[in-house]
Amino acid sequence: MAERIAAVLGFAFLVVAVGYFLRGGLATDDSPPDVAVTVDSILPQRDGFLVEIRAFNRGGAAAAAVTVEGVLRTGSGEERAETTFDFVPARSERAGGLVFRTDPRRGELELRVLGYSAP
């Protein structure tokens, strides 16, 4: 009797697993990359301040050469920094950093994605 219960449970798990993988393999998301950028932390360094950032791609397609710009506005002017993420897969995230001479906590920091290319 125990063998039959184990066999039925094993078969049920197999059916669920196959169904899960088929659903994931057959489902398509044709939406374009949708990359957003957030600040993780700001760290002082010898030559300035490192702004650790994270790029999230919520779209259904991957993005390559994702260029991110940071603009820091302070009372004394404006400072820009830029970085490029080589590849951000669909529904994933990547980390990077921007370096500024001025402390970003003493001004207004704006991050934006300038563009990407299809891989």
PDB file of N, CA and C in Angstrom:
ATOM      1  N   MET A   1       0.819  -1.197   0.000  1.00  0.00           N
ATOM      2  CA  MET A   1       0.000   0.000   0.000  1.00  0.00           C
ATOM      3  C   MET A   1       0.863   1.261   0.000  1.00  0.00           C
ATOM      4  N   ALA A   2       1.933   1.251   0.774  1.00  0.00           N
ATOM      5  CA  ALA A   2       2.820   2.412   0.837  1.00  0.00           C
ATOM      6  C   ALA A   2       3.478   2.665  -0.515  1.00  0.00           C
ATOM      7  N   GLU A   3       3.775   1.585  -1.248  1.00  0.00           N
ATOM      8  CA  GLU A   3       4.390   1.736  -2.559  1.00  0.00           C
ATOM      9  C   GLU A   3       3.450   2.448  -3.524  1.00  0.00           C
ATOM     10  N   ARG A   4       2.174   2.124  -3.461  1.00  0.00           N
ATOM     11  CA  ARG A   4       1.198   2.764  -4.344  1.00  0.00           C
ATOM     12  C   ARG A   4       1.050   4.248  -4.027  1.00  0.00           C
ATOM     13  N   ILE A   5       1.017   4.594  -2.753  1.00  0.00           N
ATOM     14  CA  ILE A   5       0.915   6.007  -2.352  1.00  0.00           C
ATOM     15  C   ILE A   5       2.145   6.777  -2.833  1.00  0.00           C
ATOM     16  N   ALA A   6       3.310   6.177  -2.650  1.00  0.00           N
ATOM     17  CA  ALA A   6       4.549   6.818  -3.101  1.00  0.00           C
ATOM     18  C   ALA A   6       4.552   6.969  -4.613  1.00  0.00           C
ATOM     19  N   ALA A   7       4.058   5.966  -5.334  1.00  0.00           N
ATOM     20  CA  ALA A   7       4.011   6.035  -6.798  1.00  0.00           C
ATOM     21  C   ALA A   7       3.058   7.121  -7.271  1.00  0.00           C
ATOM     22  N   VAL A   8       1.893   7.206  -6.641  1.00  0.00           N
ATOM     23  CA  VAL A   8       0.913   8.233  -7.010  1.00  0.00           C
ATOM     24  C   VAL A   8       1.471   9.623  -6.726  1.00  0.00           C
ATOM     25  N   LEU A   9       2.082   9.812  -5.560  1.00  0.00           N
ATOM     26  CA  LEU A   9       2.687  11.114  -5.238  1.00  0.00           C
ATOM     27  C   LEU A   9       3.824  11.455  -6.204  1.00  0.00           C
ATOM     28  N   GLY A  10       4.657  10.493  -6.519  1.00  0.00           N
ATOM     29  CA  GLY A  10       5.736  10.723  -7.468  1.00  0.00           C
ATOM     30  C   GLY A  10       5.215  11.111  -8.840  1.00  0.00           C
ATOM     31  N   PHE A  11       4.180  10.417  -9.296  1.00  0.00           N
ATOM     32  CA  PHE A  11       3.576  10.747 -10.582  1.00  0.00           C
ATOM     33  C   PHE A  11       2.961  12.147 -10.553  1.00  0.00           C
ATOM     34  N   ALA A  12       2.301  12.504  -9.460  1.00  0.00           N
ATOM     35  CA  ALA A  12       1.698  13.840  -9.340  1.00  0.00           C
ATOM     36  C   ALA A  12       2.782  14.915  -9.399  1.00  0.00           C
ATOM     37  N   PHE A  13       3.884  14.717  -8.695  1.00  0.00           N
ATOM     38  CA  PHE A  13       4.987  15.675  -8.746  1.00  0.00           C
ATOM     39  C   PHE A  13       5.560  15.781 -10.155  1.00  0.00           C
ATOM     40  N   LEU A  14       5.677  14.664 -10.845  1.00  0.00           N
ATOM     41  CA  LEU A  14       6.191  14.655 -12.208  1.00  0.00           C
ATOM     42  C   LEU A  14       5.279  15.458 -13.134  1.00  0.00           C
ATOM     43  N   VAL A  15       3.979  15.253 -13.033  1.00  0.00           N
ATOM     44  CA  VAL A  15       3.023  15.964 -13.880  1.00  0.00           C
ATOM     45  C   VAL A  15       3.088  17.469 -13.607  1.00  0.00           C
ATOM     46  N   VAL A  16       3.159  17.849 -12.344  1.00  0.00           N
ATOM     47  CA  VAL A  16       3.249  19.273 -11.993  1.00  0.00           C
ATOM     48  C   VAL A  16       4.543  19.874 -12.538  1.00  0.00           C
ATOM     49  N   ALA A  17       5.660  19.180 -12.379  1.00  0.00           N
ATOM     50  CA  ALA A  17       6.951  19.693 -12.854  1.00  0.00           C
ATOM     51  C   ALA A  17       6.959  19.840 -14.368  1.00  0.00           C
ATOM     52  N   VAL A  18       6.481  18.848 -15.092  1.00  0.00           N
ATOM     53  CA  VAL A  18       6.443  18.932 -16.551  1.00  0.00           C
ATOM     54  C   VAL A  18       5.527  20.078 -16.985  1.00  0.00           C
ATOM     55  N   GLY A  19       4.392  20.217 -16.357  1.00  0.00           N
ATOM     56  CA  GLY A  19       3.476  21.312 -16.677  1.00  0.00           C
ATOM     57  C   GLY A  19       4.104  22.674 -16.428  1.00  0.00           C
ATOM     58  N   TYR A  20       4.816  22.796 -15.329  1.00  0.00           N
ATOM     59  CA  TYR A  20       5.480  24.063 -14.993  1.00  0.00           C
ATOM     60  C   TYR A  20       6.510  24.433 -16.058  1.00  0.00           C
ATOM     61  N   PHE A  21       7.346  23.480 -16.436  1.00  0.00           N
ATOM     62  CA  PHE A  21       8.390  23.755 -17.425  1.00  0.00           C
ATOM     63  C   PHE A  21       7.807  23.999 -18.813  1.00  0.00           C
ATOM     64  N   LEU A  22       6.767  23.297 -19.185  1.00  0.00           N
ATOM     65  CA  LEU A  22       6.122  23.548 -20.470  1.00  0.00           C
ATOM     66  C   LEU A  22       5.502  24.937 -20.514  1.00  0.00           C
ATOM     67  N   ARG A  23       4.849  25.316 -19.439  1.00  0.00           N
ATOM     68  CA  ARG A  23       4.235  26.645 -19.377  1.00  0.00           C
ATOM     69  C   ARG A  23       5.296  27.731 -19.514  1.00  0.00           C
ATOM     70  N   GLY A  24       6.401  27.580 -18.802  1.00  0.00           N
ATOM     71  CA  GLY A  24       7.482  28.569 -18.871  1.00  0.00           C
ATOM     72  C   GLY A  24       8.144  28.606 -20.228  1.00  0.00           C
ATOM     73  N   GLY A  25       8.289  27.444 -20.869  1.00  0.00           N
ATOM     74  CA  GLY A  25       8.935  27.384 -22.168  1.00  0.00           C
ATOM     75  C   GLY A  25       8.064  27.879 -23.301  1.00  0.00           C
ATOM     76  N   LEU A  26       6.767  27.711 -23.182  1.00  0.00           N
ATOM     77  CA  LEU A  26       5.859  28.116 -24.244  1.00  0.00           C
ATOM     78  C   LEU A  26       5.362  29.549 -24.097  1.00  0.00           C
ATOM     79  N   ALA A  27       5.407  30.079 -22.896  1.00  0.00           N
ATOM     80  CA  ALA A  27       4.938  31.447 -22.678  1.00  0.00           C
ATOM     81  C   ALA A  27       5.955  32.423 -23.257  1.00  0.00           C
ATOM     82  N   THR A  28       5.467  33.369 -24.014  1.00  0.00           N
ATOM     83  CA  THR A  28       6.359  34.379 -24.588  1.00  0.00           C
ATOM     84  C   THR A  28       5.939  35.755 -24.104  1.00  0.00           C
ATOM     85  N   ASP A  29       6.931  36.565 -23.843  1.00  0.00           N
ATOM     86  CA  ASP A  29       6.699  37.951 -23.453  1.00  0.00           C
ATOM     87  C   ASP A  29       7.456  38.806 -24.461  1.00  0.00           C
ATOM     88  N   ASP A  30       6.736  39.380 -25.389  1.00  0.00           N
ATOM     89  CA  ASP A  30       7.353  40.158 -26.462  1.00  0.00           C
ATOM     90  C   ASP A  30       7.545  41.618 -26.103  1.00  0.00           C
ATOM     91  N   SER A  31       7.363  41.956 -24.835  1.00  0.00           N
ATOM     92  CA  SER A  31       7.506  43.360 -24.456  1.00  0.00           C
ATOM     93  C   SER A  31       8.969  43.789 -24.565  1.00  0.00           C
ATOM     94  N   PRO A  32       9.216  45.048 -24.927  1.00  0.00           N
ATOM     95  CA  PRO A  32      10.588  45.532 -25.052  1.00  0.00           C
ATOM     96  C   PRO A  32      11.242  45.677 -23.681  1.00  0.00           C
ATOM     97  N   PRO A  33      12.562  45.879 -23.653  1.00  0.00           N
ATOM     98  CA  PRO A  33      13.227  46.111 -22.373  1.00  0.00           C
ATOM     99  C   PRO A  33      12.607  47.315 -21.663  1.00  0.00           C
ATOM    100  N   ASP A  34      12.499  47.215 -20.363  1.00  0.00           N
ATOM    101  CA  ASP A  34      11.961  48.304 -19.528  1.00  0.00           C
ATOM    102  C   ASP A  34      12.921  48.460 -18.356  1.00  0.00           C
ATOM    103  N   VAL A  35      13.945  49.284 -18.547  1.00  0.00           N
ATOM    104  CA  VAL A  35      15.023  49.394 -17.574  1.00  0.00           C
ATOM    105  C   VAL A  35      14.821  50.622 -16.691  1.00  0.00           C
ATOM    106  N   ALA A  36      14.852  50.403 -15.386  1.00  0.00           N
ATOM    107  CA  ALA A  36      14.780  51.477 -14.394  1.00  0.00           C
ATOM    108  C   ALA A  36      16.031  51.400 -13.526  1.00  0.00           C
ATOM    109  N   VAL A  37      16.444  52.545 -12.980  1.00  0.00           N
ATOM    110  CA  VAL A  37      17.675  52.604 -12.195  1.00  0.00           C
ATOM    111  C   VAL A  37      17.377  53.185 -10.821  1.00  0.00           C
ATOM    112  N   THR A  38      17.970  52.583  -9.790  1.00  0.00           N
ATOM    113  CA  THR A  38      17.828  53.082  -8.420  1.00  0.00           C
ATOM    114  C   THR A  38      19.200  53.184  -7.757  1.00  0.00           C
ATOM    115  N   VAL A  39      19.259  53.986  -6.705  1.00  0.00           N
ATOM    116  CA  VAL A  39      20.484  54.135  -5.922  1.00  0.00           C
ATOM    117  C   VAL A  39      20.473  53.096  -4.804  1.00  0.00           C
ATOM    118  N   ASP A  40      21.574  52.344  -4.688  1.00  0.00           N
ATOM    119  CA  ASP A  40      21.730  51.392  -3.583  1.00  0.00           C
ATOM    120  C   ASP A  40      22.382  52.069  -2.384  1.00  0.00           C
ATOM    121  N   SER A  41      23.486  52.784  -2.636  1.00  0.00           N
ATOM    122  CA  SER A  41      24.195  53.442  -1.539  1.00  0.00           C
ATOM    123  C   SER A  41      25.136  54.497  -2.089  1.00  0.00           C
ATOM    124  N   ILE A  42      25.612  55.359  -1.186  1.00  0.00           N
ATOM    125  CA  ILE A  42      26.589  56.394  -1.524  1.00  0.00           C
ATOM    126  C   ILE A  42      27.758  56.230  -0.565  1.00  0.00           C
ATOM    127  N   LEU A  43      28.952  56.036  -1.141  1.00  0.00           N
ATOM    128  CA  LEU A  43      30.135  55.768  -0.331  1.00  0.00           C
ATOM    129  C   LEU A  43      31.243  56.775  -0.641  1.00  0.00           C
ATOM    130  N   PRO A  44      31.852  57.378   0.389  1.00  0.00           N
ATOM    131  CA  PRO A  44      32.994  58.259   0.131  1.00  0.00           C
ATOM    132  C   PRO A  44      34.198  57.446  -0.326  1.00  0.00           C
ATOM    133  N   GLN A  45      34.939  58.024  -1.265  1.00  0.00           N
ATOM    134  CA  GLN A  45      36.166  57.401  -1.757  1.00  0.00           C
ATOM    135  C   GLN A  45      37.279  58.444  -1.776  1.00  0.00           C
ATOM    136  N   ARG A  46      38.480  57.999  -2.088  1.00  0.00           N
ATOM    137  CA  ARG A  46      39.624  58.902  -2.096  1.00  0.00           C
ATOM    138  C   ARG A  46      39.439  60.033  -3.114  1.00  0.00           C
ATOM    139  N   ASP A  47      38.881  59.726  -4.283  1.00  0.00           N
ATOM    140  CA  ASP A  47      38.748  60.729  -5.342  1.00  0.00           C
ATOM    141  C   ASP A  47      37.331  61.254  -5.513  1.00  0.00           C
ATOM    142  N   GLY A  48      36.460  61.043  -4.561  1.00  0.00           N
ATOM    143  CA  GLY A  48      35.092  61.529  -4.693  1.00  0.00           C
ATOM    144  C   GLY A  48      34.113  60.652  -3.947  1.00  0.00           C
ATOM    145  N   PHE A  49      32.965  60.452  -4.578  1.00  0.00           N
ATOM    146  CA  PHE A  49      31.883  59.684  -3.960  1.00  0.00           C
ATOM    147  C   PHE A  49      31.338  58.676  -4.965  1.00  0.00           C
ATOM    148  N   LEU A  50      31.267  57.429  -4.532  1.00  0.00           N
ATOM    149  CA  LEU A  50      30.730  56.360  -5.359  1.00  0.00           C
ATOM    150  C   LEU A  50      29.247  56.205  -5.073  1.00  0.00           C
ATOM    151  N   VAL A  51      28.447  56.304  -6.125  1.00  0.00           N
ATOM    152  CA  VAL A  51      27.013  56.041  -6.025  1.00  0.00           C
ATOM    153  C   VAL A  51      26.786  54.657  -6.618  1.00  0.00           C
ATOM    154  N   GLU A  52      26.520  53.683  -5.744  1.00  0.00           N
ATOM    155  CA  GLU A  52      26.240  52.329  -6.208  1.00  0.00           C
ATOM    156  C   GLU A  52      24.800  52.289  -6.705  1.00  0.00           C
ATOM    157  N   ILE A  53      24.627  51.822  -7.939  1.00  0.00           N
ATOM    158  CA  ILE A  53      23.305  51.813  -8.564  1.00  0.00           C
ATOM    159  C   ILE A  53      22.927  50.398  -8.980  1.00  0.00           C
ATOM    160  N   ARG A  54      21.644  50.220  -9.228  1.00  0.00           N
ATOM    161  CA  ARG A  54      21.117  48.929  -9.670  1.00  0.00           C
ATOM    162  C   ARG A  54      20.160  49.205 -10.827  1.00  0.00           C
ATOM    163  N   ALA A  55      20.360  48.488 -11.946  1.00  0.00           N
ATOM    164  CA  ALA A  55      19.486  48.595 -13.118  1.00  0.00           C
ATOM    165  C   ALA A  55      18.568  47.383 -13.144  1.00  0.00           C
ATOM    166  N   PHE A  56      17.273  47.617 -13.169  1.00  0.00           N
ATOM    167  CA  PHE A  56      16.253  46.563 -13.206  1.00  0.00           C
ATOM    168  C   PHE A  56      15.617  46.543 -14.593  1.00  0.00           C
ATOM    169  N   ASN A  57      15.591  45.388 -15.227  1.00  0.00           N
ATOM    170  CA  ASN A  57      14.907  45.240 -16.507  1.00  0.00           C
ATOM    171  C   ASN A  57      13.635  44.440 -16.268  1.00  0.00           C
ATOM    172  N   ARG A  58      12.508  45.121 -16.277  1.00  0.00           N
ATOM    173  CA  ARG A  58      11.221  44.455 -16.042  1.00  0.00           C
ATOM    174  C   ARG A  58      10.559  44.021 -17.344  1.00  0.00           C
ATOM    175  N   GLY A  59      11.215  44.278 -18.461  1.00  0.00           N
ATOM    176  CA  GLY A  59      10.660  43.931 -19.760  1.00  0.00           C
ATOM    177  C   GLY A  59      10.870  42.474 -20.111  1.00  0.00           C
ATOM    178  N   GLY A  60      10.292  42.067 -21.236  1.00  0.00           N
ATOM    179  CA  GLY A  60      10.376  40.690 -21.683  1.00  0.00           C
ATOM    180  C   GLY A  60      11.553  40.413 -22.598  1.00  0.00           C
ATOM    181  N   ALA A  61      12.309  41.441 -22.960  1.00  0.00           N
ATOM    182  CA  ALA A  61      13.477  41.265 -23.833  1.00  0.00           C
ATOM    183  C   ALA A  61      14.722  41.795 -23.135  1.00  0.00           C
ATOM    184  N   ALA A  62      15.853  41.234 -23.497  1.00  0.00           N
ATOM    185  CA  ALA A  62      17.128  41.680 -22.928  1.00  0.00           C
ATOM    186  C   ALA A  62      17.556  43.004 -23.563  1.00  0.00           C
ATOM    187  N   ALA A  63      18.440  43.701 -22.858  1.00  0.00           N
ATOM    188  CA  ALA A  63      18.998  44.952 -23.366  1.00  0.00           C
ATOM    189  C   ALA A  63      20.515  44.884 -23.258  1.00  0.00           C
ATOM    190  N   ALA A  64      21.200  45.346 -24.297  1.00  0.00           N
ATOM    191  CA  ALA A  64      22.659  45.378 -24.298  1.00  0.00           C
ATOM    192  C   ALA A  64      23.120  46.831 -24.327  1.00  0.00           C
ATOM    193  N   ALA A  65      24.331  47.055 -23.853  1.00  0.00           N
ATOM    194  CA  ALA A  65      24.937  48.397 -23.851  1.00  0.00           C
ATOM    195  C   ALA A  65      23.978  49.433 -23.256  1.00  0.00           C
ATOM    196  N   VAL A  66      23.452  49.138 -22.075  1.00  0.00           N
ATOM    197  CA  VAL A  66      22.516  50.040 -21.405  1.00  0.00           C
ATOM    198  C   VAL A  66      23.308  51.193 -20.790  1.00  0.00           C
ATOM    199  N   THR A  67      23.105  52.392 -21.305  1.00  0.00           N
ATOM    200  CA  THR A  67      23.832  53.573 -20.833  1.00  0.00           C
ATOM    201  C   THR A  67      22.994  54.309 -19.807  1.00  0.00           C
ATOM    202  N   VAL A  68      23.599  54.542 -18.630  1.00  0.00           N
ATOM    203  CA  VAL A  68      22.922  55.241 -17.534  1.00  0.00           C
ATOM    204  C   VAL A  68      23.675  56.532 -17.242  1.00  0.00           C
ATOM    205  N   GLU A  69      22.923  57.608 -17.107  1.00  0.00           N
ATOM    206  CA  GLU A  69      23.500  58.909 -16.783  1.00  0.00           C
ATOM    207  C   GLU A  69      23.021  59.354 -15.413  1.00  0.00           C
ATOM    208  N   GLY A  70      23.938  59.909 -14.650  1.00  0.00           N
ATOM    209  CA  GLY A  70      23.597  60.528 -13.377  1.00  0.00           C
ATOM    210  C   GLY A  70      23.920  62.007 -13.456  1.00  0.00           C
ATOM    211  N   VAL A  71      22.959  62.845 -13.077  1.00  0.00           N
ATOM    212  CA  VAL A  71      23.162  64.290 -13.057  1.00  0.00           C
ATOM    213  C   VAL A  71      22.984  64.753 -11.623  1.00  0.00           C
ATOM    214  N   LEU A  72      24.036  65.378 -11.087  1.00  0.00           N
ATOM    215  CA  LEU A  72      24.016  65.894  -9.723  1.00  0.00           C
ATOM    216  C   LEU A  72      23.951  67.412  -9.785  1.00  0.00           C
ATOM    217  N   ARG A  73      22.877  67.976  -9.231  1.00  0.00           N
ATOM    218  CA  ARG A  73      22.697  69.433  -9.210  1.00  0.00           C
ATOM    219  C   ARG A  73      22.903  69.937  -7.788  1.00  0.00           C
ATOM    220  N   THR A  74      23.822  70.870  -7.650  1.00  0.00           N
ATOM    221  CA  THR A  74      24.092  71.499  -6.361  1.00  0.00           C
ATOM    222  C   THR A  74      24.047  73.007  -6.552  1.00  0.00           C
ATOM    223  N   GLY A  75      24.189  73.741  -5.460  1.00  0.00           N
ATOM    224  CA  GLY A  75      24.187  75.204  -5.538  1.00  0.00           C
ATOM    225  C   GLY A  75      25.334  75.747  -6.372  1.00  0.00           C
ATOM    226  N   SER A  76      26.400  74.984  -6.506  1.00  0.00           N
ATOM    227  CA  SER A  76      27.562  75.451  -7.257  1.00  0.00           C
ATOM    228  C   SER A  76      27.559  74.983  -8.713  1.00  0.00           C
ATOM    229  N   GLY A  77      26.534  74.276  -9.156  1.00  0.00           N
ATOM    230  CA  GLY A  77      26.463  73.854 -10.552  1.00  0.00           C
ATOM    231  C   GLY A  77      25.951  72.455 -10.739  1.00  0.00           C
ATOM    232  N   GLU A  78      26.392  71.877 -11.845  1.00  0.00           N
ATOM    233  CA  GLU A  78      25.896  70.570 -12.249  1.00  0.00           C
ATOM    234  C   GLU A  78      27.087  69.668 -12.586  1.00  0.00           C
ATOM    235  N   GLU A  79      26.993  68.410 -12.174  1.00  0.00           N
ATOM    236  CA  GLU A  79      28.039  67.425 -12.449  1.00  0.00           C
ATOM    237  C   GLU A  79      27.377  66.188 -13.039  1.00  0.00           C
ATOM    238  N   ARG A  80      28.029  65.608 -14.049  1.00  0.00           N
ATOM    239  CA  ARG A  80      27.470  64.435 -14.726  1.00  0.00           C
ATOM    240  C   ARG A  80      28.424  63.254 -14.627  1.00  0.00           C
ATOM    241  N   ALA A  81      27.843  62.059 -14.555  1.00  0.00           N
ATOM    242  CA  ALA A  81      28.611  60.818 -14.605  1.00  0.00           C
ATOM    243  C   ALA A  81      27.805  59.829 -15.434  1.00  0.00           C
ATOM    244  N   GLU A  82      28.502  58.890 -16.052  1.00  0.00           N
ATOM    245  CA  GLU A  82      27.847  57.944 -16.950  1.00  0.00           C
ATOM    246  C   GLU A  82      28.502  56.578 -16.827  1.00  0.00           C
ATOM    247  N   THR A  83      27.693  55.532 -16.974  1.00  0.00           N
ATOM    248  CA  THR A  83      28.216  54.168 -17.008  1.00  0.00           C
ATOM    249  C   THR A  83      27.388  53.356 -17.994  1.00  0.00           C
ATOM    250  N   THR A  84      27.948  52.221 -18.409  1.00  0.00           N
ATOM    251  CA  THR A  84      27.260  51.345 -19.353  1.00  0.00           C
ATOM    252  C   THR A  84      27.244  49.928 -18.807  1.00  0.00           C
ATOM    253  N   PHE A  85      26.069  49.331 -18.799  1.00  0.00           N
ATOM    254  CA  PHE A  85      25.909  47.922 -18.440  1.00  0.00           C
ATOM    255  C   PHE A  85      25.968  47.132 -19.740  1.00  0.00           C
ATOM    256  N   ASP A  86      26.889  46.175 -19.824  1.00  0.00           N
ATOM    257  CA  ASP A  86      27.057  45.404 -21.056  1.00  0.00           C
ATOM    258  C   ASP A  86      25.787  44.662 -21.453  1.00  0.00           C
ATOM    259  N   PHE A  87      25.111  44.068 -20.465  1.00  0.00           N
ATOM    260  CA  PHE A  87      23.957  43.225 -20.779  1.00  0.00           C
ATOM    261  C   PHE A  87      23.044  43.146 -19.567  1.00  0.00           C
ATOM    262  N   VAL A  88      21.756  43.412 -19.777  1.00  0.00           N
ATOM    263  CA  VAL A  88      20.763  43.276 -18.705  1.00  0.00           C
ATOM    264  C   VAL A  88      19.653  42.368 -19.237  1.00  0.00           C
ATOM    265  N   PRO A  89      19.653  41.093 -18.831  1.00  0.00           N
ATOM    266  CA  PRO A  89      18.639  40.157 -19.323  1.00  0.00           C
ATOM    267  C   PRO A  89      17.222  40.569 -18.921  1.00  0.00           C
ATOM    268  N   ALA A  90      16.241  39.994 -19.590  1.00  0.00           N
ATOM    269  CA  ALA A  90      14.837  40.237 -19.257  1.00  0.00           C
ATOM    270  C   ALA A  90      14.571  39.817 -17.815  1.00  0.00           C
ATOM    271  N   ARG A  91      13.762  40.601 -17.141  1.00  0.00           N
ATOM    272  CA  ARG A  91      13.338  40.323 -15.763  1.00  0.00           C
ATOM    273  C   ARG A  91      14.521  40.011 -14.847  1.00  0.00           C
ATOM    274  N   SER A  92      15.527  40.882 -14.892  1.00  0.00           N
ATOM    275  CA  SER A  92      16.709  40.688 -14.053  1.00  0.00           C
ATOM    276  C   SER A  92      17.263  42.047 -13.644  1.00  0.00           C
ATOM    277  N   GLU A  93      18.371  42.016 -12.933  1.00  0.00           N
ATOM    278  CA  GLU A  93      18.996  43.254 -12.483  1.00  0.00           C
ATOM    279  C   GLU A  93      20.506  43.129 -12.545  1.00  0.00           C
ATOM    280  N   ARG A  94      21.168  44.274 -12.641  1.00  0.00           N
ATOM    281  CA  ARG A  94      22.626  44.347 -12.640  1.00  0.00           C
ATOM    282  C   ARG A  94      23.034  45.538 -11.779  1.00  0.00           C
ATOM    283  N   ALA A  95      24.208  45.432 -11.154  1.00  0.00           N
ATOM    284  CA  ALA A  95      24.712  46.504 -10.286  1.00  0.00           C
ATOM    285  C   ALA A  95      25.895  47.190 -10.950  1.00  0.00           C
ATOM    286  N   GLY A  96      26.079  48.457 -10.612  1.00  0.00           N
ATOM    287  CA  GLY A  96      27.193  49.245 -11.136  1.00  0.00           C
ATOM    288  C   GLY A  96      27.406  50.461 -10.265  1.00  0.00           C
ATOM    289  N   GLY A  97      28.159  51.421 -10.768  1.00  0.00           N
ATOM    290  CA  GLY A  97      28.430  52.605  -9.965  1.00  0.00           C
ATOM    291  C   GLY A  97      28.737  53.824 -10.810  1.00  0.00           C
ATOM    292  N   LEU A  98      28.496  54.980 -10.220  1.00  0.00           N
ATOM    293  CA  LEU A  98      28.825  56.283 -10.792  1.00  0.00           C
ATOM    294  C   LEU A  98      29.688  57.016  -9.776  1.00  0.00           C
ATOM    295  N   VAL A  99      30.689  57.759 -10.243  1.00  0.00           N
ATOM    296  CA  VAL A  99      31.573  58.482  -9.339  1.00  0.00           C
ATOM    297  C   VAL A  99      31.406  59.985  -9.570  1.00  0.00           C
ATOM    298  N   PHE A 100      31.212  60.707  -8.462  1.00  0.00           N
ATOM    299  CA  PHE A 100      31.075  62.165  -8.493  1.00  0.00           C
ATOM    300  C   PHE A 100      32.134  62.781  -7.591  1.00  0.00           C
ATOM    301  N   ARG A 101      32.584  63.982  -7.939  1.00  0.00           N
ATOM    302  CA  ARG A 101      33.525  64.709  -7.076  1.00  0.00           C
ATOM    303  C   ARG A 101      32.813  65.275  -5.851  1.00  0.00           C
ATOM    304  N   THR A 102      31.553  65.682  -6.023  1.00  0.00           N
ATOM    305  CA  THR A 102      30.758  66.300  -4.961  1.00  0.00           C
ATOM    306  C   THR A 102      29.887  65.237  -4.291  1.00  0.00           C
ATOM    307  N   ASP A 103      29.631  65.409  -3.002  1.00  0.00           N
ATOM    308  CA  ASP A 103      28.784  64.478  -2.253  1.00  0.00           C
ATOM    309  C   ASP A 103      27.344  64.556  -2.771  1.00  0.00           C
ATOM    310  N   PRO A 104      26.813  63.482  -3.356  1.00  0.00           N
ATOM    311  CA  PRO A 104      25.449  63.501  -3.895  1.00  0.00           C
ATOM    312  C   PRO A 104      24.370  63.728  -2.839  1.00  0.00           C
ATOM    313  N   ARG A 105      24.703  63.510  -1.571  1.00  0.00           N
ATOM    314  CA  ARG A 105      23.706  63.729  -0.512  1.00  0.00           C
ATOM    315  C   ARG A 105      23.485  65.219  -0.260  1.00  0.00           C
ATOM    316  N   ARG A 106      24.338  66.071  -0.824  1.00  0.00           N
ATOM    317  CA  ARG A 106      24.215  67.522  -0.629  1.00  0.00           C
ATOM    318  C   ARG A 106      23.612  68.217  -1.836  1.00  0.00           C
ATOM    319  N   GLY A 107      23.007  67.455  -2.686  1.00  0.00           N
ATOM    320  CA  GLY A 107      22.392  68.019  -3.876  1.00  0.00           C
ATOM    321  C   GLY A 107      21.237  67.152  -4.337  1.00  0.00           C
ATOM    322  N   GLU A 108      20.826  67.390  -5.569  1.00  0.00           N
ATOM    323  CA  GLU A 108      19.730  66.626  -6.166  1.00  0.00           C
ATOM    324  C   GLU A 108      20.324  65.716  -7.234  1.00  0.00           C
ATOM    325  N   LEU A 109      20.176  64.400  -7.051  1.00  0.00           N
ATOM    326  CA  LEU A 109      20.728  63.415  -7.982  1.00  0.00           C
ATOM    327  C   LEU A 109      19.605  62.833  -8.822  1.00  0.00           C
ATOM    328  N   GLU A 110      19.780  62.922 -10.127  1.00  0.00           N
ATOM    329  CA  GLU A 110      18.804  62.352 -11.064  1.00  0.00           C
ATOM    330  C   GLU A 110      19.489  61.270 -11.884  1.00  0.00           C
ATOM    331  N   LEU A 111      18.881  60.096 -11.931  1.00  0.00           N
ATOM    332  CA  LEU A 111      19.392  58.983 -12.725  1.00  0.00           C
ATOM    333  C   LEU A 111      18.417  58.699 -13.850  1.00  0.00           C
ATOM    334  N   ARG A 112      18.977  58.400 -15.032  1.00  0.00           N
ATOM    335  CA  ARG A 112      18.094  58.016 -16.137  1.00  0.00           C
ATOM    336  C   ARG A 112      18.843  57.137 -17.119  1.00  0.00           C
ATOM    337  N   VAL A 113      18.074  56.299 -17.794  1.00  0.00           N
ATOM    338  CA  VAL A 113      18.618  55.440 -18.843  1.00  0.00           C
ATOM    339  C   VAL A 113      18.630  56.253 -20.124  1.00  0.00           C
ATOM    340  N   LEU A 114      19.815  56.377 -20.740  1.00  0.00           N
ATOM    341  CA  LEU A 114      19.920  57.131 -21.994  1.00  0.00           C
ATOM    342  C   LEU A 114      19.550  56.279 -23.207  1.00  0.00           C
ATOM    343  N   GLY A 115      19.820  54.978 -23.125  1.00  0.00           N
ATOM    344  CA  GLY A 115      19.494  54.125 -24.251  1.00  0.00           C
ATOM    345  C   GLY A 115      20.097  52.747 -24.101  1.00  0.00           C
ATOM    346  N   TYR A 116      19.781  51.879 -25.052  1.00  0.00           N
ATOM    347  CA  TYR A 116      20.286  50.509 -25.083  1.00  0.00           C
ATOM    348  C   TYR A 116      20.254  50.028 -26.518  1.00  0.00           C
ATOM    349  N   SER A 117      20.854  48.888 -26.759  1.00  0.00           N
ATOM    350  CA  SER A 117      20.765  48.261 -28.080  1.00  0.00           C
ATOM    351  C   SER A 117      20.251  46.838 -27.919  1.00  0.00           C
ATOM    352  N   ALA A 118      19.751  46.298 -29.013  1.00  0.00           N
ATOM    353  CA  ALA A 118      19.271  44.906 -28.995  1.00  0.00           C
ATOM    354  C   ALA A 118      20.486  43.994 -29.028  1.00  0.00           C
ATOM    355  N   PRO A 119      20.508  42.963 -28.175  1.00  0.00           N
ATOM    356  CA  PRO A 119      21.655  42.051 -28.168  1.00  0.00           C
ATOM    357  C   PRO A 119      21.728  41.187 -29.417  1.00  0.00           C
TER     358      PRO A 119
END
